[in-house]
PDB file of all heavy atoms in Angstrom:
ATOM      1  N   ASP A   1     150.381  41.685 117.587  1.00  0.00           N
ATOM      2  CA  ASP A   1     149.712  40.355 117.496  1.00  0.00           C
ATOM      3  C   ASP A   1     150.705  39.334 116.788  1.00  0.00           C
ATOM      4  O   ASP A   1     150.827  38.237 117.296  1.00  0.00           O
ATOM      5  CB  ASP A   1     148.429  40.437 116.635  1.00  0.00           C
ATOM      6  CG  ASP A   1     147.285  41.091 117.368  1.00  0.00           C
ATOM      7  OD1 ASP A   1     147.325  41.173 118.647  1.00  0.00           O
ATOM      8  OD2 ASP A   1     146.286  41.470 116.711  1.00  0.00           O
ATOM      9  N   ALA A   2     151.331  39.740 115.715  1.00  0.00           N
ATOM     10  CA  ALA A   2     152.257  38.854 115.041  1.00  0.00           C
ATOM     11  C   ALA A   2     153.455  38.517 115.912  1.00  0.00           C
ATOM     12  O   ALA A   2     154.012  37.425 115.783  1.00  0.00           O
ATOM     13  CB  ALA A   2     152.698  39.533 113.740  1.00  0.00           C
ATOM     14  N   TRP A   3     153.857  39.431 116.781  1.00  0.00           N
ATOM     15  CA  TRP A   3     154.990  39.159 117.710  1.00  0.00           C
ATOM     16  C   TRP A   3     154.542  38.480 118.980  1.00  0.00           C
ATOM     17  O   TRP A   3     155.317  38.326 119.918  1.00  0.00           O
ATOM     18  CB  TRP A   3     155.662  40.498 118.078  1.00  0.00           C
ATOM     19  CG  TRP A   3     156.311  41.229 116.968  1.00  0.00           C
ATOM     20  CD1 TRP A   3     156.831  40.676 115.790  1.00  0.00           C
ATOM     21  CD2 TRP A   3     156.596  42.580 116.890  1.00  0.00           C
ATOM     22  NE1 TRP A   3     157.341  41.630 115.009  1.00  0.00           N
ATOM     23  CE2 TRP A   3     157.236  42.836 115.661  1.00  0.00           C
ATOM     24  CE3 TRP A   3     156.309  43.697 117.742  1.00  0.00           C
ATOM     25  CZ2 TRP A   3     157.643  44.156 115.270  1.00  0.00           C
ATOM     26  CZ3 TRP A   3     156.740  44.948 117.332  1.00  0.00           C
ATOM     27  CH2 TRP A   3     157.383  45.142 116.137  1.00  0.00           C
ATOM     28  N   SER A   4     153.323  38.018 119.081  1.00  0.00           N
ATOM     29  CA  SER A   4     152.761  37.366 120.274  1.00  0.00           C
ATOM     30  C   SER A   4     152.827  38.277 121.499  1.00  0.00           C
ATOM     31  O   SER A   4     153.073  37.789 122.585  1.00  0.00           O
ATOM     32  CB  SER A   4     153.441  36.031 120.519  1.00  0.00           C
ATOM     33  OG  SER A   4     153.278  35.191 119.396  1.00  0.00           O
ATOM     34  N   LEU A   5     152.565  39.553 121.258  1.00  0.00           N
ATOM     35  CA  LEU A   5     152.562  40.521 122.386  1.00  0.00           C
ATOM     36  C   LEU A   5     151.247  41.339 122.383  1.00  0.00           C
ATOM     37  O   LEU A   5     151.244  42.569 122.622  1.00  0.00           O
ATOM     38  CB  LEU A   5     153.742  41.558 122.247  1.00  0.00           C
ATOM     39  CG  LEU A   5     155.136  40.950 122.304  1.00  0.00           C
ATOM     40  CD1 LEU A   5     156.165  41.986 121.933  1.00  0.00           C
ATOM     41  CD2 LEU A   5     155.404  40.417 123.688  1.00  0.00           C
ATOM     42  N   PRO A   6     150.082  40.684 122.157  1.00  0.00           N
ATOM     43  CA  PRO A   6     148.828  41.445 122.048  1.00  0.00           C
ATOM     44  C   PRO A   6     148.445  42.140 123.341  1.00  0.00           C
ATOM     45  O   PRO A   6     147.694  43.112 123.319  1.00  0.00           O
ATOM     46  CB  PRO A   6     147.815  40.408 121.649  1.00  0.00           C
ATOM     47  CG  PRO A   6     148.339  39.139 122.213  1.00  0.00           C
ATOM     48  CD  PRO A   6     149.826  39.226 122.064  1.00  0.00           C
ATOM     49  N   ASP A   7     148.930  41.604 124.446  1.00  0.00           N
ATOM     50  CA  ASP A   7     148.570  42.244 125.766  1.00  0.00           C
ATOM     51  C   ASP A   7     149.166  43.666 125.897  1.00  0.00           C
ATOM     52  O   ASP A   7     148.721  44.425 126.776  1.00  0.00           O
ATOM     53  CB  ASP A   7     149.026  41.335 126.923  1.00  0.00           C
ATOM     54  CG  ASP A   7     150.448  40.843 126.781  1.00  0.00           C
ATOM     55  OD1 ASP A   7     150.790  40.415 125.706  1.00  0.00           O
ATOM     56  OD2 ASP A   7     151.189  40.928 127.765  1.00  0.00           O
ATOM     57  N   LEU A   8     150.183  44.010 125.114  1.00  0.00           N
ATOM     58  CA  LEU A   8     150.753  45.353 125.139  1.00  0.00           C
ATOM     59  C   LEU A   8     150.041  46.333 124.297  1.00  0.00           C
ATOM     60  O   LEU A   8     150.243  47.542 124.429  1.00  0.00           O
ATOM     61  CB  LEU A   8     152.238  45.259 124.705  1.00  0.00           C
ATOM     62  CG  LEU A   8     153.185  44.367 125.513  1.00  0.00           C
ATOM     63  CD1 LEU A   8     154.559  44.456 124.876  1.00  0.00           C
ATOM     64  CD2 LEU A   8     153.139  44.745 126.952  1.00  0.00           C
ATOM     65  N   ALA A   9     149.122  45.861 123.494  1.00  0.00           N
ATOM     66  CA  ALA A   9     148.405  46.762 122.520  1.00  0.00           C
ATOM     67  C   ALA A   9     147.657  47.950 123.203  1.00  0.00           C
ATOM     68  O   ALA A   9     147.801  49.090 122.747  1.00  0.00           O
ATOM     69  CB  ALA A   9     147.475  45.942 121.627  1.00  0.00           C
ATOM     70  N   PRO A  10     146.855  47.721 124.223  1.00  0.00           N
ATOM     71  CA  PRO A  10     146.096  48.862 124.772  1.00  0.00           C
ATOM     72  C   PRO A  10     147.025  49.993 125.214  1.00  0.00           C
ATOM     73  O   PRO A  10     146.819  51.185 124.860  1.00  0.00           O
ATOM     74  CB  PRO A  10     145.317  48.290 125.917  1.00  0.00           C
ATOM     75  CG  PRO A  10     145.179  46.851 125.586  1.00  0.00           C
ATOM     76  CD  PRO A  10     146.443  46.457 124.882  1.00  0.00           C
ATOM     77  N   ALA A  11     148.052  49.704 125.959  1.00  0.00           N
ATOM     78  CA  ALA A  11     148.975  50.733 126.442  1.00  0.00           C
ATOM     79  C   ALA A  11     149.741  51.393 125.304  1.00  0.00           C
ATOM     80  O   ALA A  11     149.881  52.562 125.176  1.00  0.00           O
ATOM     81  CB  ALA A  11     149.907  50.189 127.467  1.00  0.00           C
ATOM     82  N   ALA A  12     150.324  50.527 124.386  1.00  0.00           N
ATOM     83  CA  ALA A  12     151.113  51.001 123.308  1.00  0.00           C
ATOM     84  C   ALA A  12     150.302  51.869 122.325  1.00  0.00           C
ATOM     85  O   ALA A  12     150.745  52.893 121.861  1.00  0.00           O
ATOM     86  CB  ALA A  12     151.785  49.830 122.586  1.00  0.00           C
ATOM     87  N   GLU A  13     149.067  51.443 122.067  1.00  0.00           N
ATOM     88  CA  GLU A  13     148.210  52.227 121.160  1.00  0.00           C
ATOM     89  C   GLU A  13     147.840  53.588 121.750  1.00  0.00           C
ATOM     90  O   GLU A  13     147.844  54.577 121.058  1.00  0.00           O
ATOM     91  CB  GLU A  13     146.958  51.439 120.857  1.00  0.00           C
ATOM     92  CG  GLU A  13     147.177  50.272 119.916  1.00  0.00           C
ATOM     93  CD  GLU A  13     145.915  49.495 119.649  1.00  0.00           C
ATOM     94  OE1 GLU A  13     144.843  50.139 119.438  1.00  0.00           O
ATOM     95  OE2 GLU A  13     145.923  48.253 119.642  1.00  0.00           O
ATOM     96  N   LEU A  14     147.540  53.629 123.028  1.00  0.00           N
ATOM     97  CA  LEU A  14     147.228  54.882 123.687  1.00  0.00           C
ATOM     98  C   LEU A  14     148.391  55.827 123.643  1.00  0.00           C
ATOM     99  O   LEU A  14     148.270  56.990 123.304  1.00  0.00           O
ATOM    100  CB  LEU A  14     146.728  54.661 125.113  1.00  0.00           C
ATOM    101  CG  LEU A  14     146.386  55.958 125.892  1.00  0.00           C
ATOM    102  CD1 LEU A  14     145.318  56.802 125.218  1.00  0.00           C
ATOM    103  CD2 LEU A  14     145.982  55.565 127.344  1.00  0.00           C
ATOM    104  N   ALA A  15     149.607  55.307 123.996  1.00  0.00           N
ATOM    105  CA  ALA A  15     150.805  56.173 124.048  1.00  0.00           C
ATOM    106  C   ALA A  15     151.104  56.639 122.619  1.00  0.00           C
ATOM    107  O   ALA A  15     151.468  57.847 122.450  1.00  0.00           O
ATOM    108  CB  ALA A  15     151.946  55.381 124.639  1.00  0.00           C
ATOM    109  N   LEU A  16     151.009  55.770 121.627  1.00  0.00           N
ATOM    110  CA  LEU A  16     151.237  56.195 120.238  1.00  0.00           C
ATOM    111  C   LEU A  16     150.278  57.309 119.796  1.00  0.00           C
ATOM    112  O   LEU A  16     150.690  58.307 119.212  1.00  0.00           O
ATOM    113  CB  LEU A  16     151.127  55.012 119.264  1.00  0.00           C
ATOM    114  CG  LEU A  16     151.213  55.294 117.774  1.00  0.00           C
ATOM    115  CD1 LEU A  16     152.568  55.921 117.439  1.00  0.00           C
ATOM    116  CD2 LEU A  16     150.935  54.075 116.960  1.00  0.00           C
ATOM    117  N   THR A  17     149.041  57.180 120.161  1.00  0.00           N
ATOM    118  CA  THR A  17     148.035  58.216 119.828  1.00  0.00           C
ATOM    119  C   THR A  17     148.427  59.525 120.439  1.00  0.00           C
ATOM    120  O   THR A  17     148.367  60.580 119.759  1.00  0.00           O
ATOM    121  CB  THR A  17     146.682  57.757 120.328  1.00  0.00           C
ATOM    122  OG1 THR A  17     146.271  56.535 119.704  1.00  0.00           O
ATOM    123  CG2 THR A  17     145.612  58.852 120.047  1.00  0.00           C
ATOM    124  N   GLU A  18     148.899  59.558 121.655  1.00  0.00           N
ATOM    125  CA  GLU A  18     149.287  60.790 122.306  1.00  0.00           C
ATOM    126  C   GLU A  18     150.505  61.418 121.646  1.00  0.00           C
ATOM    127  O   GLU A  18     150.525  62.662 121.449  1.00  0.00           O
ATOM    128  CB  GLU A  18     149.559  60.596 123.800  1.00  0.00           C
ATOM    129  CG  GLU A  18     148.341  60.206 124.607  1.00  0.00           C
ATOM    130  CD  GLU A  18     147.217  61.224 124.519  1.00  0.00           C
ATOM    131  OE1 GLU A  18     147.523  62.459 124.384  1.00  0.00           O
ATOM    132  OE2 GLU A  18     146.026  60.834 124.532  1.00  0.00           O
ATOM    133  N   LEU A  19     151.474  60.622 121.239  1.00  0.00           N
ATOM    134  CA  LEU A  19     152.660  61.202 120.606  1.00  0.00           C
ATOM    135  C   LEU A  19     152.316  61.751 119.217  1.00  0.00           C
ATOM    136  O   LEU A  19     152.827  62.883 118.837  1.00  0.00           O
ATOM    137  CB  LEU A  19     153.735  60.153 120.476  1.00  0.00           C
ATOM    138  CG  LEU A  19     154.344  59.609 121.767  1.00  0.00           C
ATOM    139  CD1 LEU A  19     155.545  58.740 121.467  1.00  0.00           C
ATOM    140  CD2 LEU A  19     154.659  60.682 122.778  1.00  0.00           C
ATOM    141  N   LEU A  20     151.458  61.101 118.505  1.00  0.00           N
ATOM    142  CA  LEU A  20     151.068  61.562 117.189  1.00  0.00           C
ATOM    143  C   LEU A  20     150.173  62.827 117.323  1.00  0.00           C
ATOM    144  O   LEU A  20     150.275  63.768 116.523  1.00  0.00           O
ATOM    145  CB  LEU A  20     150.281  60.518 116.448  1.00  0.00           C
ATOM    146  CG  LEU A  20     151.133  59.299 116.017  1.00  0.00           C
ATOM    147  CD1 LEU A  20     150.251  58.233 115.418  1.00  0.00           C
ATOM    148  CD2 LEU A  20     152.254  59.707 115.073  1.00  0.00           C
ATOM    149  N   ALA A  21     149.361  62.885 118.338  1.00  0.00           N
ATOM    150  CA  ALA A  21     148.541  64.125 118.601  1.00  0.00           C
ATOM    151  C   ALA A  21     149.454  65.339 118.895  1.00  0.00           C
ATOM    152  O   ALA A  21     149.178  66.466 118.428  1.00  0.00           O
ATOM    153  CB  ALA A  21     147.633  63.900 119.753  1.00  0.00           C
ATOM    154  N   ASN A  22     150.587  65.075 119.572  1.00  0.00           N
ATOM    155  CA  ASN A  22     151.522  66.170 119.780  1.00  0.00           C
ATOM    156  C   ASN A  22     152.144  66.670 118.483  1.00  0.00           C
ATOM    157  O   ASN A  22     152.378  67.877 118.316  1.00  0.00           O
ATOM    158  CB  ASN A  22     152.614  65.793 120.729  1.00  0.00           C
ATOM    159  CG  ASN A  22     152.140  65.749 122.194  1.00  0.00           C
ATOM    160  OD1 ASN A  22     151.102  66.302 122.540  1.00  0.00           O
ATOM    161  ND2 ASN A  22     152.911  65.074 123.050  1.00  0.00           N
ATOM    162  N   VAL A  23     152.443  65.742 117.539  1.00  0.00           N
ATOM    163  CA  VAL A  23     152.930  66.179 116.259  1.00  0.00           C
ATOM    164  C   VAL A  23     151.897  67.005 115.493  1.00  0.00           C
ATOM    165  O   VAL A  23     152.182  68.062 114.981  1.00  0.00           O
ATOM    166  CB  VAL A  23     153.379  64.952 115.416  1.00  0.00           C
ATOM    167  CG1 VAL A  23     153.731  65.397 113.973  1.00  0.00           C
ATOM    168  CG2 VAL A  23     154.511  64.202 116.065  1.00  0.00           C
ATOM    169  N   VAL A  24     150.657  66.525 115.514  1.00  0.00           N
ATOM    170  CA  VAL A  24     149.584  67.292 114.850  1.00  0.00           C
ATOM    171  C   VAL A  24     149.414  68.686 115.424  1.00  0.00           C
ATOM    172  O   VAL A  24     149.265  69.663 114.708  1.00  0.00           O
ATOM    173  CB  VAL A  24     148.242  66.507 114.884  1.00  0.00           C
ATOM    174  CG1 VAL A  24     147.080  67.389 114.411  1.00  0.00           C
ATOM    175  CG2 VAL A  24     148.332  65.245 114.047  1.00  0.00           C
ATOM    176  N   ARG A  25     149.478  68.732 116.720  1.00  0.00           N
ATOM    177  CA  ARG A  25     149.251  70.037 117.412  1.00  0.00           C
ATOM    178  C   ARG A  25     150.466  70.928 117.401  1.00  0.00           C
ATOM    179  O   ARG A  25     150.287  72.172 117.336  1.00  0.00           O
ATOM    180  CB  ARG A  25     148.822  69.785 118.874  1.00  0.00           C
ATOM    181  CG  ARG A  25     148.593  71.029 119.654  1.00  0.00           C
ATOM    182  CD  ARG A  25     148.052  70.730 120.983  1.00  0.00           C
ATOM    183  NE  ARG A  25     146.580  70.597 120.840  1.00  0.00           N
ATOM    184  CZ  ARG A  25     145.735  70.427 121.827  1.00  0.00           C
ATOM    185  NH1 ARG A  25     146.218  70.341 123.064  1.00  0.00           N
ATOM    186  NH2 ARG A  25     144.516  70.261 121.591  1.00  0.00           N
ATOM    187  N   HIS A  26     151.698  70.482 117.526  1.00  0.00           N
ATOM    188  CA  HIS A  26     152.841  71.308 117.749  1.00  0.00           C
ATOM    189  C   HIS A  26     153.861  71.360 116.664  1.00  0.00           C
ATOM    190  O   HIS A  26     154.810  72.212 116.773  1.00  0.00           O
ATOM    191  CB  HIS A  26     153.490  70.872 119.057  1.00  0.00           C
ATOM    192  CG  HIS A  26     152.634  70.895 120.290  1.00  0.00           C
ATOM    193  ND1 HIS A  26     152.180  72.090 120.825  1.00  0.00           N
ATOM    194  CD2 HIS A  26     152.051  69.929 121.049  1.00  0.00           C
ATOM    195  CE1 HIS A  26     151.362  71.865 121.849  1.00  0.00           C
ATOM    196  NE2 HIS A  26     151.323  70.541 122.004  1.00  0.00           N
ATOM    197  N   VAL A  27     153.832  70.547 115.672  1.00  0.00           N
ATOM    198  CA  VAL A  27     154.810  70.574 114.592  1.00  0.00           C
ATOM    199  C   VAL A  27     154.215  71.216 113.372  1.00  0.00           C
ATOM    200  O   VAL A  27     153.256  70.648 112.789  1.00  0.00           O
ATOM    201  CB  VAL A  27     155.324  69.104 114.264  1.00  0.00           C
ATOM    202  CG1 VAL A  27     156.328  69.137 113.152  1.00  0.00           C
ATOM    203  CG2 VAL A  27     155.954  68.506 115.537  1.00  0.00           C
ATOM    204  N   PRO A  28     154.735  72.333 112.965  1.00  0.00           N
ATOM    205  CA  PRO A  28     154.045  73.094 111.886  1.00  0.00           C
ATOM    206  C   PRO A  28     153.817  72.320 110.587  1.00  0.00           C
ATOM    207  O   PRO A  28     152.720  72.395 110.031  1.00  0.00           O
ATOM    208  CB  PRO A  28     155.015  74.268 111.595  1.00  0.00           C
ATOM    209  CG  PRO A  28     155.723  74.438 112.943  1.00  0.00           C
ATOM    210  CD  PRO A  28     155.852  73.071 113.514  1.00  0.00           C
ATOM    211  N   ASP A  29     154.798  71.513 110.117  1.00  0.00           N
ATOM    212  CA  ASP A  29     154.588  70.766 108.877  1.00  0.00           C
ATOM    213  C   ASP A  29     153.982  69.393 109.094  1.00  0.00           C
ATOM    214  O   ASP A  29     153.693  68.706 108.102  1.00  0.00           O
ATOM    215  CB  ASP A  29     155.898  70.668 108.098  1.00  0.00           C
ATOM    216  CG  ASP A  29     157.012  69.889 108.790  1.00  0.00           C
ATOM    217  OD1 ASP A  29     156.747  69.333 109.886  1.00  0.00           O
ATOM    218  OD2 ASP A  29     158.124  69.878 108.215  1.00  0.00           O
TER     219      ASP A  29
END
């Protein structure tokens, strides 16, 4: 929003969620 790119938020947020889910699921620490 601050960078005037709010239209990228839905895609970027979904992709970020998936990458973090992989850390939770597959990285021991």
